[in-house]
Amino acid sequence: MAANIQNVGVIGAGQMGNGIAHVCALAGYSVMLNDISPDRIKAGMATINGNMARQISRQLITEDDRKSALGRIKPAERFDAMSDCDLIIETATEKEEVKRKIFSDVSATLKPSAILASNTSSISITRLAAATDRPERFIGIHFMNPVPLMELVELIRGIATDDDTFEASKAFVSSLGKTIAVSEDFPAFIVNRILLPMINEAIYTLYEGVGNVEAIDTAMRLGAHHPMGPLELADFIGLDTCLSVMQVLHEGLADSKYRPCPLLVKYVEAGWLGRKTKRGFYDYRGEKPVPTR
């Protein structure tokens, strides 16, 4: 464990939040898991339990590991329940005003030494830090999805982030067994700056009729050895998240090459957001996914 970080608060018990709570608890940290309702915290805990059971079946952890890790995760229905935390990681929806409100509210309940971190995949760390009472104790810690499986974490300093915060965060991420890539505070950082325009280009390829869903995904899986095709990956990430990141890139860098594909916008407007809504570039309502184009 990182020396000066023992208690970790995770805000958001969804896909990213429960994954972060999962790896922190396995690494020996005490975790407070927060969300907007007790039901969502319960659902997050159930997911963690199921994912740990899967790790046991693959012999990655033991039953004892699971029991003690689950015992380290406690629900925090209100921000003041996290007042003892040394590090808070926010994993709310990719909307700047939502994140700023969370940081402004949670700051008031924390001890002065606590570090605030955002798991944002694209939003300026400097701007988010400005919504808090401690910009020098603020940093971007961007985990990849699914958190228990993915080895990389991007660390992003804001303009005000001090060296102590950076070093403590580095030690913390290393203690989770993850590899660090340090990124400058530019829109979408490293992974999504490269990955999302590729996905957006795949959607343009579909939009312009160059190939259908199946042809595009097969081409990239077998022709570029990608583990999943770009449209399948977009559905996995969530088309609303893909659109948010492209909008951040387009607005932040003012370059037309980042213009979100109109077809992506149309799918999001239809509420076809991918796996989480059972429809995106594939329809997931049957036994196996069927392309929607």
Protein backbone atom coordinates (compact mmCIF):
# COMPACT_ATOMS: atom_id res chain seq x y z
CA MET A 1 0.00 0.00 0.00
CA ALA A 2 1.09 3.57 -0.62
CA ALA A 3 2.45 4.87 2.71
CA ASN A 4 0.23 7.91 3.21
CA ILE A 5 -2.89 6.49 1.54
CA GLN A 6 -4.88 3.89 3.47
CA ASN A 7 -8.53 4.82 3.11
CA VAL A 8 -9.93 5.32 -0.39
CA GLY A 9 -13.34 6.79 -1.23
CA VAL A 10 -14.88 5.93 -4.61
CA ILE A 11 -17.71 8.15 -5.89
CA GLY A 12 -19.86 6.20 -8.36
CA ALA A 13 -20.56 2.45 -8.08
CA GLY A 14 -21.11 1.85 -11.81
CA GLN A 15 -18.86 -0.02 -14.22
CA MET A 16 -15.71 2.02 -13.51
CA GLY A 17 -16.37 2.74 -9.83
CA ASN A 18 -17.02 -0.84 -8.79
CA GLY A 19 -13.92 -1.94 -10.74
CA ILE A 20 -11.77 0.63 -8.93
CA ALA A 21 -13.23 -0.37 -5.53
CA HIS A 22 -12.54 -4.01 -6.44
CA VAL A 23 -8.81 -3.53 -7.21
CA CYS A 24 -8.28 -1.18 -4.23
CA ALA A 25 -9.84 -3.65 -1.78
CA LEU A 26 -7.80 -6.55 -3.18
CA ALA A 27 -4.64 -4.45 -2.74
CA GLY A 28 -5.45 -4.02 0.97
CA TYR A 29 -7.05 -0.55 1.03
CA SER A 30 -10.18 0.26 3.05
CA VAL A 31 -12.78 1.48 0.57
CA MET A 32 -15.88 3.65 1.02
CA LEU A 33 -18.20 3.22 -1.99
CA ASN A 34 -20.64 6.05 -2.71
CA ASP A 35 -23.48 6.54 -5.21
CA ILE A 36 -26.70 8.52 -5.47
CA SER A 37 -28.82 5.69 -4.02
CA PRO A 38 -28.29 2.69 -1.69
CA ASP A 39 -29.60 0.40 -4.47
CA ARG A 40 -26.84 1.48 -6.81
CA ILE A 41 -24.21 0.83 -4.14
CA LYS A 42 -25.75 -2.64 -3.57
CA ALA A 43 -25.68 -3.36 -7.31
CA GLY A 44 -22.02 -2.29 -7.41
CA MET A 45 -21.19 -4.62 -4.52
CA ALA A 46 -22.98 -7.50 -6.26
CA THR A 47 -20.92 -6.89 -9.42
CA ILE A 48 -17.69 -6.85 -7.39
CA ASN A 49 -18.68 -10.14 -5.74
CA GLY A 50 -19.42 -11.75 -9.13
CA ASN A 51 -16.20 -10.48 -10.70
CA MET A 52 -14.14 -11.76 -7.77
CA ALA A 53 -15.86 -15.16 -8.07
CA ARG A 54 -14.72 -15.20 -11.71
CA GLN A 55 -11.16 -14.42 -10.61
CA ILE A 56 -11.33 -17.37 -8.17
CA SER A 57 -12.45 -19.71 -10.98
CA ARG A 58 -9.44 -18.57 -13.03
CA GLN A 59 -7.21 -19.12 -9.97
CA LEU A 60 -6.12 -15.47 -9.91
CA ILE A 61 -7.24 -15.01 -6.29
CA THR A 62 -8.36 -17.31 -3.45
CA GLU A 63 -11.69 -17.47 -1.59
CA ASP A 64 -9.89 -15.94 1.42
CA ASP A 65 -8.71 -13.02 -0.75
CA ARG A 66 -12.28 -12.42 -1.85
CA LYS A 67 -13.72 -12.57 1.67
CA SER A 68 -11.18 -10.17 3.15
CA ALA A 69 -11.42 -7.76 0.17
CA LEU A 70 -15.23 -7.64 0.37
CA GLY A 71 -14.91 -6.98 4.11
CA ARG A 72 -12.84 -3.88 3.32
CA ILE A 73 -15.56 -2.24 1.18
CA LYS A 74 -18.20 -0.25 3.07
CA PRO A 75 -21.16 1.70 1.65
CA ALA A 76 -21.02 5.50 2.00
CA GLU A 77 -24.46 6.92 1.29
CA ARG A 78 -23.34 10.49 2.03
CA PHE A 79 -20.13 12.38 1.34
CA ASP A 80 -19.51 13.04 5.04
CA ALA A 81 -19.13 9.28 5.57
CA MET A 82 -15.87 9.62 3.60
CA SER A 83 -14.37 12.34 5.83
CA ASP A 84 -11.57 10.02 6.93
CA CYS A 85 -10.44 9.12 3.40
CA ASP A 86 -6.89 9.91 2.25
CA LEU A 87 -7.84 9.73 -1.42
CA ILE A 88 -11.17 10.25 -3.20
CA ILE A 89 -11.62 8.94 -6.76
CA GLU A 90 -14.62 10.31 -8.68
CA THR A 91 -16.08 8.10 -11.44
CA ALA A 92 -19.35 9.89 -12.21
CA THR A 93 -20.79 10.40 -15.69
CA GLU A 94 -18.56 12.18 -18.26
CA LYS A 95 -20.27 15.56 -17.82
CA GLU A 96 -18.20 18.44 -16.51
CA GLU A 97 -20.94 20.21 -14.54
CA VAL A 98 -21.82 16.96 -12.69
CA LYS A 99 -18.18 16.35 -11.76
CA ARG A 100 -17.60 19.97 -10.67
CA LYS A 101 -20.64 19.83 -8.36
CA ILE A 102 -19.43 16.55 -6.80
CA PHE A 103 -15.94 17.97 -6.16
CA SER A 104 -17.26 21.19 -4.72
CA ASP A 105 -19.62 19.25 -2.36
CA VAL A 106 -17.17 16.55 -1.28
CA SER A 107 -14.28 19.01 -0.67
CA ALA A 108 -16.16 20.51 2.27
CA THR A 109 -16.26 17.17 4.12
CA LEU A 110 -12.61 16.13 3.72
CA LYS A 111 -9.48 16.62 5.82
CA PRO A 112 -7.01 19.15 4.31
CA SER A 113 -4.43 16.47 3.44
CA ALA A 114 -6.86 14.36 1.36
CA ILE A 115 -6.13 13.98 -2.36
CA LEU A 116 -8.95 14.40 -4.88
CA ALA A 117 -8.77 12.46 -8.15
CA SER A 118 -10.98 12.18 -11.21
CA ASN A 119 -11.28 9.11 -13.39
CA THR A 120 -12.40 11.34 -16.29
CA SER A 121 -11.47 10.01 -19.72
CA SER A 122 -11.31 13.41 -21.40
CA ILE A 123 -12.12 16.50 -19.30
CA SER A 124 -9.47 19.06 -18.28
CA ILE A 125 -7.95 18.21 -14.87
CA THR A 126 -6.98 21.88 -14.41
CA ARG A 127 -10.61 23.00 -14.85
CA LEU A 128 -12.00 20.33 -12.51
CA ALA A 129 -9.34 21.20 -9.89
CA ALA A 130 -10.50 24.81 -9.98
CA ALA A 131 -13.92 23.69 -8.63
CA THR A 132 -12.25 22.47 -5.40
CA ASP A 133 -10.63 24.02 -2.34
CA ARG A 134 -7.36 22.15 -3.07
CA PRO A 135 -6.18 22.38 -6.71
CA GLU A 136 -2.65 21.43 -5.61
CA ARG A 137 -4.04 18.15 -4.11
CA PHE A 138 -5.98 17.31 -7.29
CA ILE A 139 -4.95 14.85 -10.03
CA GLY A 140 -6.34 12.74 -12.88
CA ILE A 141 -6.17 8.96 -12.26
CA HIS A 142 -7.73 7.43 -15.36
CA PHE A 143 -8.32 3.66 -15.14
CA MET A 144 -9.16 1.58 -18.22
CA ASN A 145 -12.29 -0.55 -18.55
CA PRO A 146 -12.68 -3.30 -17.28
CA VAL A 147 -10.54 -2.12 -14.34
CA PRO A 148 -9.64 -5.54 -12.83
CA LEU A 149 -8.32 -6.78 -16.21
CA MET A 150 -6.66 -3.73 -17.76
CA GLU A 151 -3.04 -3.09 -16.78
CA LEU A 152 -2.78 0.61 -17.60
CA VAL A 153 -3.62 3.75 -15.62
CA GLU A 154 -3.09 7.25 -17.04
CA LEU A 155 -1.87 9.84 -14.50
CA ILE A 156 -2.60 13.46 -15.41
CA ARG A 157 -1.34 16.50 -13.50
CA GLY A 158 -3.31 19.73 -13.60
CA ILE A 159 -1.44 23.03 -13.78
CA ALA A 160 -1.58 23.34 -9.96
CA THR A 161 -0.94 19.67 -8.97
CA ASP A 162 2.03 19.61 -6.57
CA ASP A 163 4.86 17.06 -6.52
CA ASP A 164 3.71 15.38 -3.29
CA THR A 165 0.29 14.66 -4.80
CA PHE A 166 1.87 13.30 -7.97
CA GLU A 167 4.33 11.05 -6.10
CA ALA A 168 1.66 9.75 -3.68
CA SER A 169 -0.66 8.98 -6.63
CA LYS A 170 2.14 7.20 -8.49
CA ALA A 171 2.91 5.03 -5.44
CA PHE A 172 -0.81 4.30 -5.01
CA VAL A 173 -1.32 3.20 -8.65
CA SER A 174 1.84 1.04 -8.54
CA SER A 175 0.59 -0.64 -5.36
CA LEU A 176 -2.47 -1.82 -7.33
CA GLY A 177 -0.14 -3.68 -9.71
CA LYS A 178 -0.94 -1.30 -12.58
CA THR A 179 1.44 0.29 -15.09
CA ILE A 180 1.45 4.09 -15.31
CA ALA A 181 1.47 6.29 -18.41
CA VAL A 182 1.91 9.97 -17.54
CA SER A 183 -0.09 12.30 -19.78
CA GLU A 184 -0.15 16.06 -20.12
CA ASP A 185 -3.49 17.74 -19.42
CA PHE A 186 -4.72 17.90 -23.03
CA PRO A 187 -8.22 16.86 -24.19
CA ALA A 188 -8.74 13.04 -23.91
CA PHE A 189 -5.13 12.46 -22.73
CA ILE A 190 -3.26 9.63 -24.55
CA VAL A 191 -5.41 6.50 -24.93
CA ASN A 192 -8.68 8.17 -25.90
CA ARG A 193 -7.00 10.82 -28.06
CA ILE A 194 -5.81 7.93 -30.27
CA LEU A 195 -8.60 5.37 -29.74
CA LEU A 196 -11.77 7.47 -30.05
CA PRO A 197 -10.93 9.10 -33.41
CA MET A 198 -10.30 5.55 -34.71
CA ILE A 199 -13.75 4.47 -33.49
CA ASN A 200 -15.28 7.67 -34.94
CA GLU A 201 -13.56 6.90 -38.28
CA ALA A 202 -15.02 3.37 -38.20
CA ILE A 203 -18.48 4.93 -37.72
CA TYR A 204 -17.82 7.25 -40.70
CA THR A 205 -16.82 4.16 -42.71
CA LEU A 206 -20.22 2.67 -41.85
CA TYR A 207 -22.06 5.98 -42.43
CA GLU A 208 -20.52 6.38 -45.89
CA GLY A 209 -21.39 2.79 -46.82
CA VAL A 210 -17.79 1.64 -47.26
CA GLY A 211 -18.64 -1.52 -45.32
CA ASN A 212 -21.37 -2.85 -43.07
CA VAL A 213 -20.98 -3.42 -39.30
CA GLU A 214 -19.80 -6.99 -39.70
CA ALA A 215 -17.30 -6.21 -42.48
CA ILE A 216 -15.75 -3.30 -40.53
CA ASP A 217 -15.36 -5.26 -37.28
CA THR A 218 -14.07 -8.39 -39.03
CA ALA A 219 -11.59 -6.30 -41.02
CA MET A 220 -10.07 -4.72 -37.90
CA ARG A 221 -10.13 -7.92 -35.83
CA LEU A 222 -8.43 -10.08 -38.45
CA GLY A 223 -6.63 -7.41 -40.49
CA ALA A 224 -5.13 -5.43 -37.59
CA HIS A 225 -5.36 -8.10 -34.86
CA HIS A 226 -7.56 -5.94 -32.63
CA PRO A 227 -9.17 -8.09 -29.91
CA MET A 228 -12.59 -6.60 -30.76
CA GLY A 229 -13.79 -4.62 -33.76
CA PRO A 230 -14.15 -0.82 -33.36
CA LEU A 231 -17.99 -0.84 -33.53
CA GLU A 232 -18.23 -3.69 -31.02
CA LEU A 233 -15.80 -1.73 -28.83
CA ALA A 234 -17.92 1.44 -29.17
CA ASP A 235 -20.95 -0.52 -27.93
CA PHE A 236 -18.87 -1.83 -25.02
CA ILE A 237 -17.64 1.67 -24.04
CA GLY A 238 -21.11 3.24 -24.52
CA LEU A 239 -21.96 5.40 -27.53
CA ASP A 240 -22.84 8.34 -25.26
CA THR A 241 -19.33 8.20 -23.76
CA CYS A 242 -17.78 7.93 -27.24
CA LEU A 243 -19.75 11.01 -28.32
CA SER A 244 -18.77 12.95 -25.16
CA VAL A 245 -15.07 12.29 -25.76
CA MET A 246 -15.30 13.29 -29.44
CA GLN A 247 -17.10 16.51 -28.44
CA VAL A 248 -14.37 17.30 -25.90
CA LEU A 249 -11.70 16.70 -28.58
CA HIS A 250 -13.58 18.75 -31.19
CA GLU A 251 -14.19 21.69 -28.85
CA GLY A 252 -10.83 21.52 -27.08
CA LEU A 253 -8.61 21.23 -30.16
CA ALA A 254 -10.84 23.02 -32.72
CA ASP A 255 -9.80 20.65 -35.51
CA SER A 256 -12.42 19.33 -37.96
CA LYS A 257 -10.79 15.87 -37.94
CA TYR A 258 -12.41 15.36 -34.51
CA ARG A 259 -15.96 16.11 -35.71
CA PRO A 260 -18.28 13.42 -34.27
CA CYS A 261 -19.84 11.33 -37.03
CA PRO A 262 -23.53 12.29 -37.57
CA LEU A 263 -24.44 8.59 -37.36
CA LEU A 264 -22.95 8.40 -33.85
CA VAL A 265 -25.05 11.44 -32.87
CA LYS A 266 -28.18 9.79 -34.33
CA TYR A 267 -27.66 6.54 -32.37
CA VAL A 268 -27.19 8.50 -29.13
CA GLU A 269 -30.33 10.57 -29.84
CA ALA A 270 -32.24 7.31 -30.36
CA GLY A 271 -31.05 6.07 -26.96
CA TRP A 272 -29.17 3.21 -28.64
CA LEU A 273 -26.07 3.50 -26.47
CA GLY A 274 -24.63 0.00 -26.93
CA ARG A 275 -24.57 -2.94 -24.54
CA LYS A 276 -25.98 -1.04 -21.55
CA THR A 277 -29.25 -0.28 -23.41
CA LYS A 278 -29.23 -3.60 -25.34
CA ARG A 279 -28.92 -1.79 -28.70
CA GLY A 280 -26.15 0.08 -30.47
CA PHE A 281 -24.29 -1.00 -33.59
CA TYR A 282 -25.44 -4.47 -32.51
CA ASP A 283 -28.78 -5.58 -31.08
CA TYR A 284 -28.13 -7.51 -27.84
CA ARG A 285 -31.71 -8.54 -27.08
CA GLY A 286 -31.46 -12.04 -28.57
CA GLU A 287 -29.18 -14.96 -27.86
CA LYS A 288 -26.31 -13.46 -29.81
CA PRO A 289 -25.57 -9.90 -30.98
CA VAL A 290 -27.01 -8.99 -34.41
CA PRO A 291 -25.66 -5.99 -36.41
CA THR A 292 -28.19 -3.13 -36.65
CA ARG A 293 -26.81 -2.05 -40.07
